[in-house]
Protein backbone atom coordinates (compact mmCIF):
# COMPACT_ATOMS: atom_id res chain seq x y z
CA UNK A 1 114.24 96.30 160.71
CA UNK A 2 113.85 92.66 161.80
CA UNK A 3 115.26 89.67 159.97
CA UNK A 4 111.72 88.30 159.64
CA UNK A 5 110.58 91.51 157.89
CA UNK A 6 113.59 91.47 155.55
CA UNK A 7 112.90 87.83 154.74
CA UNK A 8 109.30 88.70 153.92
CA UNK A 9 110.54 91.27 151.39
CA UNK A 10 112.80 88.86 149.50
CA UNK A 11 110.10 87.50 147.16
CA UNK A 12 109.08 91.07 146.28
CA UNK A 13 112.70 92.17 145.71
CA UNK A 14 113.34 89.09 143.58
CA UNK A 15 110.23 89.80 141.51
CA UNK A 16 111.31 93.41 140.96
CA UNK A 17 114.78 92.31 139.86
CA UNK A 18 113.31 89.78 137.45
CA UNK A 19 110.94 92.38 136.03
CA UNK A 20 113.80 94.83 135.48
CA UNK A 21 115.90 92.18 133.74
CA UNK A 22 112.89 91.17 131.65
CA UNK A 23 112.48 94.70 130.33
CA UNK A 24 116.16 94.94 129.53
CA UNK A 25 116.27 91.56 127.79
CA UNK A 26 113.16 92.27 125.76
CA UNK A 27 114.51 95.61 124.53
CA UNK A 28 116.42 93.83 121.74
CA UNK A 29 114.57 91.21 119.71
CA UNK A 30 116.64 88.43 118.13
CA UNK A 31 115.72 86.72 114.86
CA UNK A 32 114.72 83.07 114.86
CA UNK A 33 116.90 82.36 111.82
CA UNK A 34 118.61 83.93 108.82
CA UNK A 35 118.26 83.40 105.08
CA UNK A 36 121.59 83.70 103.29
CA UNK A 37 122.68 83.87 99.66
CA UNK A 38 121.39 87.39 99.02
CA UNK A 39 123.31 90.62 98.48
CA UNK A 40 122.17 93.74 100.35
CA UNK A 41 118.42 92.90 100.35
CA UNK A 42 117.15 96.49 100.51
CA UNK A 43 113.58 95.67 99.46
CA UNK A 44 111.42 92.54 99.56
CA UNK A 45 108.17 91.87 97.73
CA UNK A 46 105.97 88.78 97.74
CA UNK A 47 104.13 88.45 94.45
CA UNK A 48 100.45 88.43 95.54
CA UNK A 49 98.90 84.99 95.80
CA UNK A 50 102.16 83.17 95.04
CA UNK A 51 105.00 81.43 96.86
CA UNK A 52 107.61 83.71 95.27
CA UNK A 53 109.44 86.60 96.93
CA UNK A 54 111.41 89.07 94.84
CA UNK A 55 114.54 90.54 96.46
CA UNK A 56 116.00 93.86 95.36
CA UNK A 57 119.73 93.42 95.98
CA UNK A 58 121.33 96.83 96.23
CA UNK A 59 124.91 97.51 95.21
CA UNK A 60 127.65 98.03 97.79
CA UNK A 61 131.13 99.49 98.09
CA UNK A 62 132.54 96.20 96.80
CA UNK A 63 129.82 95.37 94.25
CA UNK A 64 129.12 98.27 91.94
CA UNK A 65 126.12 96.57 90.37
CA UNK A 66 123.12 94.94 92.00
CA UNK A 67 120.67 92.24 91.00
CA UNK A 68 117.15 90.90 91.36
CA UNK A 69 116.80 87.58 93.14
CA UNK A 70 113.83 85.33 93.86
CA UNK A 71 113.05 83.03 96.79
CA UNK A 72 110.69 80.08 96.31
CA UNK A 73 108.83 79.53 99.60
CA UNK A 74 108.04 75.97 98.51
CA UNK A 75 111.77 75.26 98.28
CA UNK A 76 113.25 77.20 101.19
CA UNK A 77 116.16 74.79 101.47
CA UNK A 78 117.45 75.85 98.07
CA UNK A 79 119.55 78.92 97.36
CA UNK A 80 117.84 82.12 96.16
CA UNK A 81 117.70 82.38 92.38
CA UNK A 82 119.28 85.26 90.50
CA UNK A 83 116.65 86.34 87.97
CA UNK A 84 118.22 89.53 86.62
CA UNK A 85 120.70 89.99 85.08
CA UNK A 86 120.49 86.21 85.42
CA UNK A 87 122.74 83.40 84.23
CA UNK A 88 121.34 83.19 80.69
CA UNK A 89 120.32 85.84 78.12
CA UNK A 90 116.99 84.05 77.62
CA UNK A 91 115.86 85.29 81.01
CA UNK A 92 116.56 88.90 80.02
CA UNK A 93 114.18 89.21 77.07
CA UNK A 94 114.84 91.69 74.27
CA UNK A 95 116.94 94.15 76.27
CA UNK A 96 118.46 96.77 73.92
CA UNK A 97 122.24 97.06 73.89
CA UNK A 98 122.06 100.78 74.67
CA UNK A 99 119.90 100.41 77.79
CA UNK A 100 121.60 102.04 80.83
CA UNK A 101 121.23 98.91 82.95
CA UNK A 102 123.59 97.05 80.63
CA UNK A 103 126.32 99.30 82.04
CA UNK A 104 125.17 99.49 85.65
CA UNK A 105 122.10 98.02 87.38
CA UNK A 106 121.48 99.25 90.92
CA UNK A 107 117.95 98.20 91.94
CA UNK A 108 116.29 99.97 94.85
CA UNK A 109 112.53 100.12 95.51
CA UNK A 110 110.31 97.52 93.83
CA UNK A 111 106.60 96.89 93.42
CA UNK A 112 104.28 95.01 91.10
CA UNK A 113 100.91 94.96 89.37
CA UNK A 114 99.08 91.74 88.56
CA UNK A 115 98.23 91.58 84.84
CA UNK A 116 96.65 88.13 84.59
CA UNK A 117 96.48 84.70 86.21
CA UNK A 118 100.03 84.03 87.47
CA UNK A 119 101.29 87.02 85.49
CA UNK A 120 102.77 90.21 86.95
CA UNK A 121 104.47 93.42 85.90
CA UNK A 122 107.45 94.25 88.11
CA UNK A 123 108.55 97.89 88.52
CA UNK A 124 112.13 98.47 89.68
CA UNK A 125 113.89 101.74 90.51
CA UNK A 126 117.47 101.64 89.24
CA UNK A 127 120.32 104.02 90.07
CA UNK A 128 122.53 103.08 87.16
CA UNK A 129 124.33 105.28 84.67
CA UNK A 130 120.93 107.00 84.53
CA UNK A 131 118.00 107.22 86.95
CA UNK A 132 115.33 104.92 85.54
CA UNK A 133 112.39 102.69 86.31
CA UNK A 134 112.93 99.27 84.76
CA UNK A 135 109.81 97.24 83.99
CA UNK A 136 109.80 93.45 83.77
CA UNK A 137 107.11 90.90 82.92
CA UNK A 138 107.00 87.99 85.36
CA UNK A 139 105.39 84.74 84.20
CA UNK A 140 104.51 82.00 86.69
CA UNK A 141 102.29 79.90 84.45
CA UNK A 142 104.93 77.19 84.30
CA UNK A 143 106.80 75.62 87.20
CA UNK A 144 109.72 78.04 86.92
CA UNK A 145 109.67 81.81 87.35
CA UNK A 146 110.33 83.54 84.02
CA UNK A 147 111.26 87.22 83.97
CA UNK A 148 111.51 89.29 80.81
CA UNK A 149 112.66 92.89 80.55
CA UNK A 150 109.89 95.02 79.02
CA UNK A 151 110.83 98.71 78.98
CA UNK A 152 112.39 101.66 80.82
CA UNK A 153 110.90 104.92 82.05
CA UNK A 154 113.42 107.72 82.50
CA UNK A 155 113.14 109.82 85.66
CA UNK A 156 113.41 113.64 85.87
CA UNK A 157 116.97 114.85 86.44
CA UNK A 158 115.92 116.40 89.77
CA UNK A 159 114.77 113.04 91.16
CA UNK A 160 116.71 110.46 93.16
CA UNK A 161 113.96 107.87 93.45
CA UNK A 162 113.48 105.57 96.42
CA UNK A 163 110.04 103.94 96.67
CA UNK A 164 107.55 103.01 93.96
CA UNK A 165 103.95 101.88 93.73
CA UNK A 166 101.49 101.46 90.85
CA UNK A 167 97.74 102.10 90.95
CA UNK A 168 95.21 99.76 89.30
CA UNK A 169 95.02 102.13 86.29
CA UNK A 170 98.83 101.85 85.92
CA UNK A 171 99.64 105.32 87.22
CA UNK A 172 103.16 105.12 88.64
CA UNK A 173 103.94 106.92 91.92
CA UNK A 174 107.56 107.44 92.96
CA UNK A 175 109.14 109.08 95.99
CA UNK A 176 112.03 111.42 95.30
CA UNK A 177 114.30 111.35 98.33
CA UNK A 178 116.38 114.32 97.20
CA UNK A 179 117.69 116.20 94.17
CA UNK A 180 120.99 114.62 92.98
CA UNK A 181 122.32 118.14 92.32
CA UNK A 182 121.78 119.15 95.96
CA UNK A 183 125.13 118.68 97.72
CA UNK A 184 123.70 119.62 101.12
CA UNK A 185 120.89 117.07 101.26
CA UNK A 186 122.35 115.22 104.27
CA UNK A 187 122.46 118.43 106.31
CA UNK A 188 118.89 119.11 105.23
CA UNK A 189 117.90 115.62 106.38
CA UNK A 190 119.43 116.34 109.78
CA UNK A 191 117.38 119.54 110.08
CA UNK A 192 114.19 117.98 108.70
CA UNK A 193 114.11 120.41 105.79
CA UNK A 194 112.32 119.55 102.53
CA UNK A 195 114.44 117.65 100.00
CA UNK A 196 111.94 115.90 97.73
CA UNK A 197 108.35 114.86 97.15
CA UNK A 198 106.06 112.35 95.45
CA UNK A 199 105.93 112.23 91.65
CA UNK A 200 103.42 110.49 89.41
CA UNK A 201 103.73 109.21 85.85
CA UNK A 202 101.10 108.34 83.25
CA UNK A 203 101.66 107.27 79.67
CA UNK A 204 99.70 110.29 78.43
CA UNK A 205 101.15 113.08 80.57
CA UNK A 206 104.54 111.80 81.66
CA UNK A 207 105.94 113.02 84.99
CA UNK A 208 104.18 115.48 87.31
CA UNK A 209 104.57 116.32 91.00
CA UNK A 210 101.70 114.90 93.02
CA UNK A 211 100.33 117.51 95.39
CA UNK A 212 103.02 120.11 96.00
CA UNK A 213 103.77 118.61 99.43
CA UNK A 214 107.53 118.80 100.05
CA UNK A 215 109.08 116.13 102.26
CA UNK A 216 112.39 115.57 104.02
CA UNK A 217 113.64 112.30 102.59
CA UNK A 218 110.55 110.86 100.89
CA UNK A 219 111.06 107.10 101.12
CA UNK A 220 108.64 104.15 101.25
CA UNK A 221 105.28 104.30 99.51
CA UNK A 222 102.17 102.12 99.25
CA UNK A 223 98.65 102.59 97.91
CA UNK A 224 95.28 101.50 99.29
CA UNK A 225 93.48 98.60 97.63
CA UNK A 226 90.96 100.99 96.05
CA UNK A 227 93.74 103.20 94.68
CA UNK A 228 92.52 106.30 96.55
CA UNK A 229 95.04 106.75 99.38
CA UNK A 230 98.83 106.91 99.33
CA UNK A 231 100.92 106.06 102.39
CA UNK A 232 104.31 107.78 102.24
CA UNK A 233 107.30 107.62 104.59
CA UNK A 234 109.01 110.92 105.36
CA UNK A 235 112.26 109.34 106.47
CA UNK A 236 114.22 112.23 107.98
CA UNK A 237 111.34 113.50 110.16
CA UNK A 238 110.30 109.96 111.23
CA UNK A 239 106.78 110.43 109.91
CA UNK A 240 104.31 108.33 107.95
CA UNK A 241 101.91 110.36 105.81
CA UNK A 242 98.46 109.52 104.49
CA UNK A 243 97.59 111.41 101.29
CA UNK A 244 94.12 111.27 99.75
CA UNK A 245 94.14 111.17 95.95
CA UNK A 246 90.46 112.12 95.74
CA UNK A 247 90.52 114.60 98.66
CA UNK A 248 88.00 112.47 100.57
CA UNK A 249 90.04 112.79 103.77
CA UNK A 250 92.42 115.40 105.15
CA UNK A 251 96.12 114.62 104.71
CA UNK A 252 97.65 113.59 108.04
CA UNK A 253 100.66 111.83 109.54
CA UNK A 254 101.77 109.55 112.36
CA UNK A 255 104.91 110.47 114.31
CA UNK A 256 107.22 107.48 114.86
CA UNK A 257 110.47 107.16 116.83
CA UNK A 258 112.52 105.76 113.93
CA UNK A 259 113.47 106.81 110.40
CA UNK A 260 110.52 105.55 108.37
CA UNK A 261 111.58 103.44 105.39
CA UNK A 262 109.77 100.83 103.27
CA UNK A 263 106.11 99.84 103.56
CA UNK A 264 104.41 96.53 102.75
CA UNK A 265 100.80 95.32 102.99
CA UNK A 266 99.93 92.22 105.02
CA UNK A 267 97.23 89.71 104.13
CA UNK A 268 95.00 91.01 106.92
CA UNK A 269 95.05 94.52 105.44
CA UNK A 270 97.57 96.27 107.67
CA UNK A 271 100.91 97.80 106.71
CA UNK A 272 104.34 96.82 107.95
CA UNK A 273 106.73 99.75 108.28
CA UNK A 274 110.46 99.27 108.89
CA UNK A 275 113.09 101.87 109.67
CA UNK A 276 116.31 102.75 111.41
CA UNK A 277 116.97 104.25 114.86
CA UNK A 278 119.86 106.63 114.20
CA UNK A 279 120.61 109.97 112.63
CA UNK A 280 120.36 110.36 108.84
CA UNK A 281 124.00 111.45 108.66
CA UNK A 282 125.30 108.25 110.30
CA UNK A 283 123.29 106.05 107.97
CA UNK A 284 124.04 107.85 104.72
CA UNK A 285 127.79 107.83 105.32
CA UNK A 286 128.09 104.16 106.32
CA UNK A 287 128.99 101.42 103.83
CA UNK A 288 128.88 98.52 106.29
CA UNK A 289 127.33 97.56 109.62
CA UNK A 290 130.72 98.06 111.25
CA UNK A 291 130.84 101.64 109.94
CA UNK A 292 127.27 102.35 111.01
CA UNK A 293 128.26 102.73 114.65
CA UNK A 294 125.13 103.63 116.57
CA UNK A 295 123.04 103.09 113.45
CA UNK A 296 122.41 99.34 113.51
CA UNK A 297 119.23 99.40 115.56
CA UNK A 298 115.93 99.34 113.73
CA UNK A 299 112.21 98.95 114.36
CA UNK A 300 109.24 97.36 112.66
CA UNK A 301 105.74 98.69 113.29
CA UNK A 302 102.31 97.55 112.14
CA UNK A 303 100.06 100.32 110.82
CA UNK A 304 96.27 100.08 111.04
CA UNK A 305 95.06 102.01 107.96
CA UNK A 306 91.54 102.47 109.38
CA UNK A 307 92.53 104.09 112.68
CA UNK A 308 95.89 105.26 111.28
CA UNK A 309 97.76 104.16 114.39
CA UNK A 310 101.00 102.21 114.85
CA UNK A 311 101.88 99.22 117.03
CA UNK A 312 105.53 98.37 117.64
CA UNK A 313 106.40 94.78 116.70
CA UNK A 314 110.19 94.44 116.56
CA UNK A 315 113.15 96.33 117.99
CA UNK A 316 116.40 94.80 116.81
CA UNK A 317 119.86 95.37 115.43
CA UNK A 318 123.46 94.54 116.33
CA UNK A 319 126.79 94.10 114.57
CA UNK A 320 125.59 90.87 112.94
CA UNK A 321 122.36 92.26 111.51
CA UNK A 322 121.02 95.78 111.51
CA UNK A 323 119.78 98.80 109.59
CA UNK A 324 116.48 97.13 108.68
CA UNK A 325 114.95 98.73 105.59
CA UNK A 326 111.91 96.55 104.86
CA UNK A 327 109.65 94.04 106.60
CA UNK A 328 107.19 91.59 105.05
CA UNK A 329 104.86 89.05 106.64
CA UNK A 330 105.62 85.48 105.50
CA UNK A 331 103.34 82.97 107.19
CA UNK A 332 103.99 83.13 110.94
CA UNK A 333 107.22 85.07 110.44
CA UNK A 334 108.29 88.61 109.67
CA UNK A 335 111.23 88.83 107.28
CA UNK A 336 113.46 91.91 107.54
CA UNK A 337 115.83 93.02 104.80
CA UNK A 338 118.75 95.43 105.02
CA UNK A 339 120.91 97.15 102.43
CA UNK A 340 124.05 96.59 104.55
CA UNK A 341 123.93 92.81 105.02
CA UNK A 342 124.09 89.61 103.00
CA UNK A 343 121.11 87.93 104.64
CA UNK A 344 117.48 88.29 105.63
CA UNK A 345 116.46 88.10 109.29
CA UNK A 346 113.37 85.99 110.06
CA UNK A 347 111.52 86.83 113.28
CA UNK A 348 109.04 84.45 114.88
CA UNK A 349 106.54 84.89 117.71
CA UNK A 350 106.90 88.67 117.67
CA UNK A 351 104.88 90.68 120.16
CA UNK A 352 102.94 93.90 120.18
CA UNK A 353 104.69 96.26 122.59
CA UNK A 354 103.10 99.68 122.47
CA UNK A 355 100.68 101.89 120.65
CA UNK A 356 101.56 105.35 119.38
């Protein structure tokens, strides 16, 4: 092989090396910035048509109780506001002394229903001294956000709720991840065996199971704008289901390569789906990012509800931020929350990587 021939190959070799490094570097996406001042932001929800984001701050091994916080997008330089329990009783409304959340408030999944101009009803799953859904009225008709506790809905004793959504007619849909009495639910997650399902609640009939479909770790849930289709994450099997409430389409699922967690609509009508890239056992037994060895990586995908396909947007996670549980679109950014951190990761200029 002549020196001239070897020299002619150098540009090609260099290009191949660069391409290989490019793939390796792009395998882990890094956030543009972080928002601090929040505690274990497991779920995020932007109140439709407003500049307010509600943060469900889950409890931790050091903080037995959680809280609801709010971020004003018009004042991003200011600290997030604690809105419940809140600094003053006036924010809490007429909360009865015997309500379970007075003893322990552990918010999890959240969602809302608009009830008027700048008025919303906020639904919050709470794992307190009892399993409940706590309902709050949110008033944005003045400059400040006002939140008032309204009522509680008790959950069946066989339900450990995770995600929640409300239809336009105020039917409440909740995912039951597992039965609290089942001591082997983590092993069942690992094997992809059924542990829970979707439940629905109406004021007239109370709680009923939705369609008899059993799921392994039912998690995130959203509903179509017309209230006819439910999108449900089956966490342990890494699937996203599409269930028709009027039987107009056949129930089907997308297979993902991560544990499918929370879902959120974007303004352009697609869904953002976040989830973790580890085994269920690692994640359920960890109480910090340092303990979640091998479980910090996460993904965010965009779901097209028309074609029911997924595009990968973000692959991230390290010892500083990981275990992403929810993603929401905020302007040109995607914000990712996690129940094992004290901040929100903000990703900019994300890219579409692949289609599944």
